[in-house]
Amino acid sequence: MGEFVRVAGTADVKPGSGIVAEANGKAIALFNIDGTFHAIDNICLHRGGPLGEGDVEGNVVTCPWHGWQFNVITGACVNNPSGKVETYQVKVEGADVKVFL
């Protein structure tokens, strides 16, 4: 059974950007979209690129390695509609961003 784990502070992720966070041995891509935080698996389906290091436009992140794009809210792959990365439930408690793992 999972639990909410702190992955970052609210000030660590500027609006319109993302970071890579580690929690429970797992790399998470954490994004701030207009003040709402979203978390997806950090590993791109194409060749394993770090999604948390990609450029964010709207609610889509572009993998910095080969340009595959993913919706940070749903995890859906823009380039390949049958592909999807895992999404995680996020909650903010005070200045802490927590992800359910």
PDB file of N, CA and C in Angstrom:
ATOM      1  N   MET A   1       0.841  -1.179   0.000  1.00  0.00           N
ATOM      2  CA  MET A   1       0.000   0.000   0.000  1.00  0.00           C
ATOM      3  C   MET A   1       0.888   1.245   0.000  1.00  0.00           C
ATOM      4  N   GLY A   2       0.526   2.225  -0.796  1.00  0.00           N
ATOM      5  CA  GLY A   2       1.337   3.417  -0.955  1.00  0.00           C
ATOM      6  C   GLY A   2       1.095   4.455   0.120  1.00  0.00           C
ATOM      7  N   GLU A   3       1.895   5.511   0.022  1.00  0.00           N
ATOM      8  CA  GLU A   3       1.779   6.633   0.933  1.00  0.00           C
ATOM      9  C   GLU A   3       2.246   7.890   0.212  1.00  0.00           C
ATOM     10  N   PHE A   4       1.866   9.048   0.733  1.00  0.00           N
ATOM     11  CA  PHE A   4       2.343  10.317   0.185  1.00  0.00           C
ATOM     12  C   PHE A   4       3.752  10.574   0.708  1.00  0.00           C
ATOM     13  N   VAL A   5       4.664  10.853  -0.232  1.00  0.00           N
ATOM     14  CA  VAL A   5       6.069  11.078   0.089  1.00  0.00           C
ATOM     15  C   VAL A   5       6.465  12.463  -0.410  1.00  0.00           C
ATOM     16  N   ARG A   6       7.169  13.233   0.426  1.00  0.00           N
ATOM     17  CA  ARG A   6       7.638  14.561   0.019  1.00  0.00           C
ATOM     18  C   ARG A   6       8.690  14.398  -1.080  1.00  0.00           C
ATOM     19  N   VAL A   7       8.492  15.122  -2.178  1.00  0.00           N
ATOM     20  CA  VAL A   7       9.441  15.068  -3.286  1.00  0.00           C
ATOM     21  C   VAL A   7      10.104  16.414  -3.559  1.00  0.00           C
ATOM     22  N   ALA A   8       9.491  17.506  -3.096  1.00  0.00           N
ATOM     23  CA  ALA A   8      10.038  18.842  -3.341  1.00  0.00           C
ATOM     24  C   ALA A   8       9.287  19.859  -2.505  1.00  0.00           C
ATOM     25  N   GLY A   9       9.827  21.064  -2.495  1.00  0.00           N
ATOM     26  CA  GLY A   9       9.136  22.199  -1.916  1.00  0.00           C
ATOM     27  C   GLY A   9       8.414  22.947  -3.023  1.00  0.00           C
ATOM     28  N   THR A  10       7.371  23.663  -2.681  1.00  0.00           N
ATOM     29  CA  THR A  10       6.610  24.382  -3.703  1.00  0.00           C
ATOM     30  C   THR A  10       7.478  25.395  -4.434  1.00  0.00           C
ATOM     31  N   ALA A  11       8.468  25.982  -3.772  1.00  0.00           N
ATOM     32  CA  ALA A  11       9.344  26.965  -4.405  1.00  0.00           C
ATOM     33  C   ALA A  11      10.392  26.328  -5.317  1.00  0.00           C
ATOM     34  N   ASP A  12      10.533  25.001  -5.252  1.00  0.00           N
ATOM     35  CA  ASP A  12      11.548  24.309  -6.058  1.00  0.00           C
ATOM     36  C   ASP A  12      11.167  24.188  -7.531  1.00  0.00           C
ATOM     37  N   VAL A  13       9.874  24.320  -7.824  1.00  0.00           N
ATOM     38  CA  VAL A  13       9.404  24.142  -9.209  1.00  0.00           C
ATOM     39  C   VAL A  13       8.666  25.410  -9.630  1.00  0.00           C
ATOM     40  N   LYS A  14       9.290  26.190 -10.468  1.00  0.00           N
ATOM     41  CA  LYS A  14       8.693  27.443 -10.944  1.00  0.00           C
ATOM     42  C   LYS A  14       7.528  27.138 -11.889  1.00  0.00           C
ATOM     43  N   PRO A  15       6.512  27.999 -11.928  1.00  0.00           N
ATOM     44  CA  PRO A  15       5.395  27.782 -12.858  1.00  0.00           C
ATOM     45  C   PRO A  15       5.899  27.626 -14.306  1.00  0.00           C
ATOM     46  N   GLY A  16       5.321  26.653 -15.001  1.00  0.00           N
ATOM     47  CA  GLY A  16       5.695  26.402 -16.389  1.00  0.00           C
ATOM     48  C   GLY A  16       6.979  25.618 -16.553  1.00  0.00           C
ATOM     49  N   SER A  17       7.405  24.936 -15.481  1.00  0.00           N
ATOM     50  CA  SER A  17       8.641  24.160 -15.566  1.00  0.00           C
ATOM     51  C   SER A  17       8.497  22.852 -14.815  1.00  0.00           C
ATOM     52  N   GLY A  18       9.547  22.036 -14.894  1.00  0.00           N
ATOM     53  CA  GLY A  18       9.566  20.760 -14.208  1.00  0.00           C
ATOM     54  C   GLY A  18      10.931  20.473 -13.629  1.00  0.00           C
ATOM     55  N   ILE A  19      10.980  19.482 -12.752  1.00  0.00           N
ATOM     56  CA  ILE A  19      12.229  19.012 -12.166  1.00  0.00           C
ATOM     57  C   ILE A  19      12.178  17.492 -12.085  1.00  0.00           C
ATOM     58  N   VAL A  20      13.330  16.905 -11.863  1.00  0.00           N
ATOM     59  CA  VAL A  20      13.415  15.481 -11.556  1.00  0.00           C
ATOM     60  C   VAL A  20      13.552  15.363 -10.046  1.00  0.00           C
ATOM     61  N   ALA A  21      12.701  14.557  -9.435  1.00  0.00           N
ATOM     62  CA  ALA A  21      12.741  14.334  -7.992  1.00  0.00           C
ATOM     63  C   ALA A  21      12.867  12.836  -7.734  1.00  0.00           C
ATOM     64  N   GLU A  22      13.578  12.476  -6.691  1.00  0.00           N
ATOM     65  CA  GLU A  22      13.741  11.078  -6.304  1.00  0.00           C
ATOM     66  C   GLU A  22      12.926  10.803  -5.046  1.00  0.00           C
ATOM     67  N   ALA A  23      12.213   9.699  -5.045  1.00  0.00           N
ATOM     68  CA  ALA A  23      11.455   9.301  -3.857  1.00  0.00           C
ATOM     69  C   ALA A  23      11.296   7.791  -3.863  1.00  0.00           C
ATOM     70  N   ASN A  24      11.597   7.175  -2.755  1.00  0.00           N
ATOM     71  CA  ASN A  24      11.478   5.720  -2.616  1.00  0.00           C
ATOM     72  C   ASN A  24      12.189   4.984  -3.753  1.00  0.00           C
ATOM     73  N   GLY A  25      13.357   5.503  -4.178  1.00  0.00           N
ATOM     74  CA  GLY A  25      14.137   4.857  -5.228  1.00  0.00           C
ATOM     75  C   GLY A  25      13.586   5.029  -6.625  1.00  0.00           C
ATOM     76  N   LYS A  26      12.641   5.924  -6.794  1.00  0.00           N
ATOM     77  CA  LYS A  26      11.991   6.132  -8.091  1.00  0.00           C
ATOM     78  C   LYS A  26      12.206   7.566  -8.551  1.00  0.00           C
ATOM     79  N   ALA A  27      12.521   7.732  -9.835  1.00  0.00           N
ATOM     80  CA  ALA A  27      12.676   9.073 -10.413  1.00  0.00           C
ATOM     81  C   ALA A  27      11.311   9.553 -10.897  1.00  0.00           C
ATOM     82  N   ILE A  28      10.910  10.713 -10.404  1.00  0.00           N
ATOM     83  CA  ILE A  28       9.614  11.311 -10.720  1.00  0.00           C
ATOM     84  C   ILE A  28       9.861  12.634 -11.443  1.00  0.00           C
ATOM     85  N   ALA A  29       9.087  12.897 -12.485  1.00  0.00           N
ATOM     86  CA  ALA A  29       9.103  14.203 -13.139  1.00  0.00           C
ATOM     87  C   ALA A  29       7.957  15.006 -12.529  1.00  0.00           C
ATOM     88  N   LEU A  30       8.296  16.115 -11.888  1.00  0.00           N
ATOM     89  CA  LEU A  30       7.317  16.944 -11.189  1.00  0.00           C
ATOM     90  C   LEU A  30       7.201  18.282 -11.911  1.00  0.00           C
ATOM     91  N   PHE A  31       5.974  18.688 -12.222  1.00  0.00           N
ATOM     92  CA  PHE A  31       5.728  19.898 -13.001  1.00  0.00           C
ATOM     93  C   PHE A  31       4.796  20.839 -12.250  1.00  0.00           C
ATOM     94  N   ASN A  32       4.991  22.137 -12.487  1.00  0.00           N
ATOM     95  CA  ASN A  32       4.122  23.174 -11.954  1.00  0.00           C
ATOM     96  C   ASN A  32       3.443  23.830 -13.157  1.00  0.00           C
ATOM     97  N   ILE A  33       2.150  23.550 -13.322  1.00  0.00           N
ATOM     98  CA  ILE A  33       1.367  24.112 -14.419  1.00  0.00           C
ATOM     99  C   ILE A  33       0.385  25.108 -13.811  1.00  0.00           C
ATOM    100  N   ASP A  34       0.695  26.389 -13.969  1.00  0.00           N
ATOM    101  CA  ASP A  34      -0.160  27.460 -13.445  1.00  0.00           C
ATOM    102  C   ASP A  34      -0.470  27.288 -11.958  1.00  0.00           C
ATOM    103  N   GLY A  35       0.525  26.865 -11.178  1.00  0.00           N
ATOM    104  CA  GLY A  35       0.349  26.729  -9.737  1.00  0.00           C
ATOM    105  C   GLY A  35      -0.190  25.384  -9.276  1.00  0.00           C
ATOM    106  N   THR A  36      -0.516  24.488 -10.215  1.00  0.00           N
ATOM    107  CA  THR A  36      -0.964  23.147  -9.874  1.00  0.00           C
ATOM    108  C   THR A  36       0.151  22.166 -10.207  1.00  0.00           C
ATOM    109  N   PHE A  37       0.463  21.296  -9.268  1.00  0.00           N
ATOM    110  CA  PHE A  37       1.564  20.354  -9.450  1.00  0.00           C
ATOM    111  C   PHE A  37       1.062  19.023 -10.014  1.00  0.00           C
ATOM    112  N   HIS A  38       1.864  18.465 -10.926  1.00  0.00           N
ATOM    113  CA  HIS A  38       1.560  17.182 -11.565  1.00  0.00           C
ATOM    114  C   HIS A  38       2.828  16.344 -11.574  1.00  0.00           C
ATOM    115  N   ALA A  39       2.659  15.034 -11.416  1.00  0.00           N
ATOM    116  CA  ALA A  39       3.807  14.140 -11.405  1.00  0.00           C
ATOM    117  C   ALA A  39       3.576  12.971 -12.352  1.00  0.00           C
ATOM    118  N   ILE A  40       4.624  12.671 -13.135  1.00  0.00           N
ATOM    119  CA  ILE A  40       4.604  11.522 -14.036  1.00  0.00           C
ATOM    120  C   ILE A  40       5.931  10.781 -13.888  1.00  0.00           C
ATOM    121  N   ASP A  41       5.986   9.581 -14.452  1.00  0.00           N
ATOM    122  CA  ASP A  41       7.235   8.840 -14.475  1.00  0.00           C
ATOM    123  C   ASP A  41       8.263   9.658 -15.252  1.00  0.00           C
ATOM    124  N   ASN A  42       9.496   9.688 -14.788  1.00  0.00           N
ATOM    125  CA  ASN A  42      10.532  10.503 -15.413  1.00  0.00           C
ATOM    126  C   ASN A  42      11.110   9.885 -16.682  1.00  0.00           C
ATOM    127  N   ILE A  43      10.816   8.626 -16.955  1.00  0.00           N
ATOM    128  CA  ILE A  43      11.442   7.903 -18.055  1.00  0.00           C
ATOM    129  C   ILE A  43      10.597   7.972 -19.328  1.00  0.00           C
ATOM    130  N   CYS A  44      11.151   8.595 -20.379  1.00  0.00           N
ATOM    131  CA  CYS A  44      10.473   8.669 -21.674  1.00  0.00           C
ATOM    132  C   CYS A  44      10.336   7.272 -22.265  1.00  0.00           C
ATOM    133  N   LEU A  45       9.194   7.000 -22.869  1.00  0.00           N
ATOM    134  CA  LEU A  45       8.934   5.691 -23.473  1.00  0.00           C
ATOM    135  C   LEU A  45       9.825   5.414 -24.685  1.00  0.00           C
ATOM    136  N   HIS A  46      10.296   6.448 -25.336  1.00  0.00           N
ATOM    137  CA  HIS A  46      11.061   6.283 -26.571  1.00  0.00           C
ATOM    138  C   HIS A  46      12.437   5.673 -26.317  1.00  0.00           C
ATOM    139  N   ARG A  47      13.273   6.386 -25.575  1.00  0.00           N
ATOM    140  CA  ARG A  47      14.633   5.895 -25.311  1.00  0.00           C
ATOM    141  C   ARG A  47      15.091   6.181 -23.883  1.00  0.00           C
ATOM    142  N   GLY A  48      14.142   6.408 -22.982  1.00  0.00           N
ATOM    143  CA  GLY A  48      14.486   6.563 -21.575  1.00  0.00           C
ATOM    144  C   GLY A  48      14.979   7.923 -21.155  1.00  0.00           C
ATOM    145  N   GLY A  49      14.714   8.939 -21.953  1.00  0.00           N
ATOM    146  CA  GLY A  49      15.152  10.298 -21.614  1.00  0.00           C
ATOM    147  C   GLY A  49      14.482  10.822 -20.358  1.00  0.00           C
ATOM    148  N   PRO A  50      15.101  11.833 -19.709  1.00  0.00           N
ATOM    149  CA  PRO A  50      14.580  12.399 -18.459  1.00  0.00           C
ATOM    150  C   PRO A  50      13.507  13.462 -18.705  1.00  0.00           C
ATOM    151  N   LEU A  51      12.247  13.092 -18.594  1.00  0.00           N
ATOM    152  CA  LEU A  51      11.149  14.011 -18.894  1.00  0.00           C
ATOM    153  C   LEU A  51      11.156  15.249 -17.994  1.00  0.00           C
ATOM    154  N   GLY A  52      11.588  15.110 -16.760  1.00  0.00           N
ATOM    155  CA  GLY A  52      11.619  16.243 -15.844  1.00  0.00           C
ATOM    156  C   GLY A  52      12.597  17.332 -16.253  1.00  0.00           C
ATOM    157  N   GLU A  53      13.485  17.027 -17.203  1.00  0.00           N
ATOM    158  CA  GLU A  53      14.441  18.016 -17.704  1.00  0.00           C
ATOM    159  C   GLU A  53      13.980  18.641 -19.019  1.00  0.00           C
ATOM    160  N   GLY A  54      12.807  18.243 -19.490  1.00  0.00           N
ATOM    161  CA  GLY A  54      12.305  18.735 -20.771  1.00  0.00           C
ATOM    162  C   GLY A  54      11.668  20.104 -20.683  1.00  0.00           C
ATOM    163  N   ASP A  55      11.479  20.709 -21.845  1.00  0.00           N
ATOM    164  CA  ASP A  55      10.795  21.999 -21.935  1.00  0.00           C
ATOM    165  C   ASP A  55       9.292  21.779 -21.819  1.00  0.00           C
ATOM    166  N   VAL A  56       8.626  22.691 -21.114  1.00  0.00           N
ATOM    167  CA  VAL A  56       7.183  22.605 -20.895  1.00  0.00           C
ATOM    168  C   VAL A  56       6.501  23.742 -21.638  1.00  0.00           C
ATOM    169  N   GLU A  57       5.466  23.376 -22.392  1.00  0.00           N
ATOM    170  CA  GLU A  57       4.635  24.379 -23.060  1.00  0.00           C
ATOM    171  C   GLU A  57       3.191  23.988 -22.815  1.00  0.00           C
ATOM    172  N   GLY A  58       2.472  24.855 -22.117  1.00  0.00           N
ATOM    173  CA  GLY A  58       1.107  24.496 -21.715  1.00  0.00           C
ATOM    174  C   GLY A  58       1.184  23.342 -20.739  1.00  0.00           C
ATOM    175  N   ASN A  59       0.510  22.237 -21.055  1.00  0.00           N
ATOM    176  CA  ASN A  59       0.577  21.057 -20.191  1.00  0.00           C
ATOM    177  C   ASN A  59       1.319  19.897 -20.869  1.00  0.00           C
ATOM    178  N   VAL A  60       2.206  20.237 -21.823  1.00  0.00           N
ATOM    179  CA  VAL A  60       2.963  19.219 -22.557  1.00  0.00           C
ATOM    180  C   VAL A  60       4.453  19.417 -22.318  1.00  0.00           C
ATOM    181  N   VAL A  61       5.132  18.320 -21.965  1.00  0.00           N
ATOM    182  CA  VAL A  61       6.580  18.335 -21.813  1.00  0.00           C
ATOM    183  C   VAL A  61       7.204  17.644 -23.017  1.00  0.00           C
ATOM    184  N   THR A  62       8.322  18.184 -23.496  1.00  0.00           N
ATOM    185  CA  THR A  62       9.061  17.599 -24.605  1.00  0.00           C
ATOM    186  C   THR A  62      10.338  16.977 -24.063  1.00  0.00           C
ATOM    187  N   CYS A  63      10.525  15.691 -24.327  1.00  0.00           N
ATOM    188  CA  CYS A  63      11.723  14.992 -23.873  1.00  0.00           C
ATOM    189  C   CYS A  63      12.955  15.658 -24.485  1.00  0.00           C
ATOM    190  N   PRO A  64      13.968  15.953 -23.664  1.00  0.00           N
ATOM    191  CA  PRO A  64      15.150  16.642 -24.183  1.00  0.00           C
ATOM    192  C   PRO A  64      16.021  15.779 -25.091  1.00  0.00           C
ATOM    193  N   TRP A  65      15.822  14.481 -25.112  1.00  0.00           N
ATOM    194  CA  TRP A  65      16.685  13.620 -25.925  1.00  0.00           C
ATOM    195  C   TRP A  65      16.239  13.538 -27.377  1.00  0.00           C
ATOM    196  N   HIS A  66      14.976  13.218 -27.632  1.00  0.00           N
ATOM    197  CA  HIS A  66      14.525  12.987 -29.006  1.00  0.00           C
ATOM    198  C   HIS A  66      13.201  13.653 -29.349  1.00  0.00           C
ATOM    199  N   GLY A  67      12.705  14.527 -28.465  1.00  0.00           N
ATOM    200  CA  GLY A  67      11.546  15.335 -28.796  1.00  0.00           C
ATOM    201  C   GLY A  67      10.173  14.706 -28.630  1.00  0.00           C
ATOM    202  N   TRP A  68      10.102  13.512 -28.038  1.00  0.00           N
ATOM    203  CA  TRP A  68       8.767  12.958 -27.786  1.00  0.00           C
ATOM    204  C   TRP A  68       8.063  13.841 -26.766  1.00  0.00           C
ATOM    205  N   GLN A  69       6.741  13.942 -26.899  1.00  0.00           N
ATOM    206  CA  GLN A  69       5.973  14.829 -26.036  1.00  0.00           C
ATOM    207  C   GLN A  69       4.923  14.056 -25.244  1.00  0.00           C
ATOM    208  N   PHE A  70       4.722  14.523 -24.001  1.00  0.00           N
ATOM    209  CA  PHE A  70       3.769  13.883 -23.099  1.00  0.00           C
ATOM    210  C   PHE A  70       2.943  14.939 -22.387  1.00  0.00           C
ATOM    211  N   ASN A  71       1.646  14.636 -22.211  1.00  0.00           N
ATOM    212  CA  ASN A  71       0.769  15.475 -21.424  1.00  0.00           C
ATOM    213  C   ASN A  71       1.104  15.213 -19.951  1.00  0.00           C
ATOM    214  N   VAL A  72       1.483  16.245 -19.210  1.00  0.00           N
ATOM    215  CA  VAL A  72       1.914  16.051 -17.829  1.00  0.00           C
ATOM    216  C   VAL A  72       0.750  15.786 -16.879  1.00  0.00           C
ATOM    217  N   ILE A  73      -0.467  15.996 -17.333  1.00  0.00           N
ATOM    218  CA  ILE A  73      -1.641  15.746 -16.498  1.00  0.00           C
ATOM    219  C   ILE A  73      -2.124  14.304 -16.657  1.00  0.00           C
ATOM    220  N   THR A  74      -2.176  13.833 -17.904  1.00  0.00           N
ATOM    221  CA  THR A  74      -2.713  12.495 -18.176  1.00  0.00           C
ATOM    222  C   THR A  74      -1.639  11.440 -18.403  1.00  0.00           C
ATOM    223  N   GLY A  75      -0.416  11.874 -18.728  1.00  0.00           N
ATOM    224  CA  GLY A  75       0.660  10.941 -19.062  1.00  0.00           C
ATOM    225  C   GLY A  75       0.632  10.475 -20.503  1.00  0.00           C
ATOM    226  N   ALA A  76      -0.382  10.886 -21.274  1.00  0.00           N
ATOM    227  CA  ALA A  76      -0.543  10.436 -22.654  1.00  0.00           C
ATOM    228  C   ALA A  76       0.588  10.962 -23.542  1.00  0.00           C
ATOM    229  N   CYS A  77       1.053  10.108 -24.427  1.00  0.00           N
ATOM    230  CA  CYS A  77       2.094  10.473 -25.375  1.00  0.00           C
ATOM    231  C   CYS A  77       1.449  11.148 -26.585  1.00  0.00           C
ATOM    232  N   VAL A  78       1.937  12.333 -26.937  1.00  0.00           N
ATOM    233  CA  VAL A  78       1.409  13.071 -28.075  1.00  0.00           C
ATOM    234  C   VAL A  78       1.836  12.405 -29.382  1.00  0.00           C
ATOM    235  N   ASN A  79       3.070  11.900 -29.440  1.00  0.00           N
ATOM    236  CA  ASN A  79       3.627  11.296 -30.654  1.00  0.00           C
ATOM    237  C   ASN A  79       3.045   9.922 -30.955  1.00  0.00           C
ATOM    238  N   ASN A  80       2.692   9.183 -29.918  1.00  0.00           N
ATOM    239  CA  ASN A  80       2.212   7.815 -30.073  1.00  0.00           C
ATOM    240  C   ASN A  80       1.004   7.632 -29.164  1.00  0.00           C
ATOM    241  N   PRO A  81      -0.208   7.797 -29.705  1.00  0.00           N
ATOM    242  CA  PRO A  81      -1.421   7.745 -28.873  1.00  0.00           C
ATOM    243  C   PRO A  81      -1.590   6.461 -28.053  1.00  0.00           C
ATOM    244  N   SER A  82      -0.922   5.380 -28.430  1.00  0.00           N
ATOM    245  CA  SER A  82      -1.050   4.153 -27.652  1.00  0.00           C
ATOM    246  C   SER A  82      -0.093   4.139 -26.462  1.00  0.00           C
ATOM    247  N   GLY A  83       0.817   5.125 -26.388  1.00  0.00           N
ATOM    248  CA  GLY A  83       1.778   5.176 -25.299  1.00  0.00           C
ATOM    249  C   GLY A  83       1.329   6.089 -24.175  1.00  0.00           C
ATOM    250  N   LYS A  84       1.748   5.744 -22.971  1.00  0.00           N
ATOM    251  CA  LYS A  84       1.390   6.550 -21.801  1.00  0.00           C
ATOM    252  C   LYS A  84       2.401   6.265 -20.694  1.00  0.00           C
ATOM    253  N   VAL A  85       2.844   7.328 -20.012  1.00  0.00           N
ATOM    254  CA  VAL A  85       3.687   7.142 -18.834  1.00  0.00           C
ATOM    255  C   VAL A  85       2.795   7.191 -17.593  1.00  0.00           C
ATOM    256  N   GLU A  86       3.284   6.588 -16.533  1.00  0.00           N
ATOM    257  CA  GLU A  86       2.501   6.543 -15.297  1.00  0.00           C
ATOM    258  C   GLU A  86       2.355   7.938 -14.706  1.00  0.00           C
ATOM    259  N   THR A  87       1.175   8.216 -14.169  1.00  0.00           N
ATOM    260  CA  THR A  87       0.918   9.468 -13.460  1.00  0.00           C
ATOM    261  C   THR A  87       0.788   9.155 -11.976  1.00  0.00           C
ATOM    262  N   TYR A  88       1.037  10.161 -11.157  1.00  0.00           N
ATOM    263  CA  TYR A  88       0.980   9.990  -9.710  1.00  0.00           C
ATOM    264  C   TYR A  88       0.105  11.067  -9.090  1.00  0.00           C
ATOM    265  N   GLN A  89      -0.615  10.690  -8.064  1.00  0.00           N
ATOM    266  CA  GLN A  89      -1.438  11.641  -7.332  1.00  0.00           C
ATOM    267  C   GLN A  89      -0.513  12.565  -6.545  1.00  0.00           C
ATOM    268  N   VAL A  90      -0.827  13.865  -6.581  1.00  0.00           N
ATOM    269  CA  VAL A  90       0.004  14.880  -5.922  1.00  0.00           C
ATOM    270  C   VAL A  90      -0.860  15.671  -4.951  1.00  0.00           C
ATOM    271  N   LYS A  91      -0.264  16.026  -3.809  1.00  0.00           N
ATOM    272  CA  LYS A  91      -0.935  16.957  -2.901  1.00  0.00           C
ATOM    273  C   LYS A  91       0.111  17.895  -2.318  1.00  0.00           C
ATOM    274  N   VAL A  92      -0.350  19.090  -1.976  1.00  0.00           N
ATOM    275  CA  VAL A  92       0.515  20.098  -1.380  1.00  0.00           C
ATOM    276  C   VAL A  92       0.082  20.277   0.069  1.00  0.00           C
ATOM    277  N   GLU A  93       1.056  20.161   0.960  1.00  0.00           N
ATOM    278  CA  GLU A  93       0.814  20.404   2.391  1.00  0.00           C
ATOM    279  C   GLU A  93       1.786  21.496   2.822  1.00  0.00           C
ATOM    280  N   GLY A  94       1.257  22.670   3.071  1.00  0.00           N
ATOM    281  CA  GLY A  94       2.113  23.799   3.416  1.00  0.00           C
ATOM    282  C   GLY A  94       3.029  24.097   2.233  1.00  0.00           C
ATOM    283  N   ALA A  95       4.336  24.032   2.447  1.00  0.00           N
ATOM    284  CA  ALA A  95       5.316  24.276   1.386  1.00  0.00           C
ATOM    285  C   ALA A  95       5.855  22.974   0.798  1.00  0.00           C
ATOM    286  N   ASP A  96       5.268  21.841   1.170  1.00  0.00           N
ATOM    287  CA  ASP A  96       5.740  20.532   0.698  1.00  0.00           C
ATOM    288  C   ASP A  96       4.864  19.991  -0.433  1.00  0.00           C
ATOM    289  N   VAL A  97       5.522  19.485  -1.473  1.00  0.00           N
ATOM    290  CA  VAL A  97       4.809  18.795  -2.549  1.00  0.00           C
ATOM    291  C   VAL A  97       5.032  17.302  -2.302  1.00  0.00           C
ATOM    292  N   LYS A  98       3.919  16.562  -2.199  1.00  0.00           N
ATOM    293  CA  LYS A  98       3.987  15.132  -1.927  1.00  0.00           C
ATOM    294  C   LYS A  98       3.341  14.342  -3.068  1.00  0.00           C
ATOM    295  N   VAL A  99       3.927  13.189  -3.335  1.00  0.00           N
ATOM    296  CA  VAL A  99       3.455  12.307  -4.388  1.00  0.00           C
ATOM    297  C   VAL A  99       3.093  10.965  -3.758  1.00  0.00           C
ATOM    298  N   PHE A 100       1.986  10.387  -4.232  1.00  0.00           N
ATOM    299  CA  PHE A 100       1.549   9.082  -3.706  1.00  0.00           C
ATOM    300  C   PHE A 100       2.302   7.982  -4.433  1.00  0.00           C
ATOM    301  N   LEU A 101       3.122   7.263  -3.684  1.00  0.00           N
ATOM    302  CA  LEU A 101       3.914   6.156  -4.250  1.00  0.00           C
ATOM    303  C   LEU A 101       3.612   4.862  -3.522  1.00  0.00           C
TER     304      LEU A 101
END
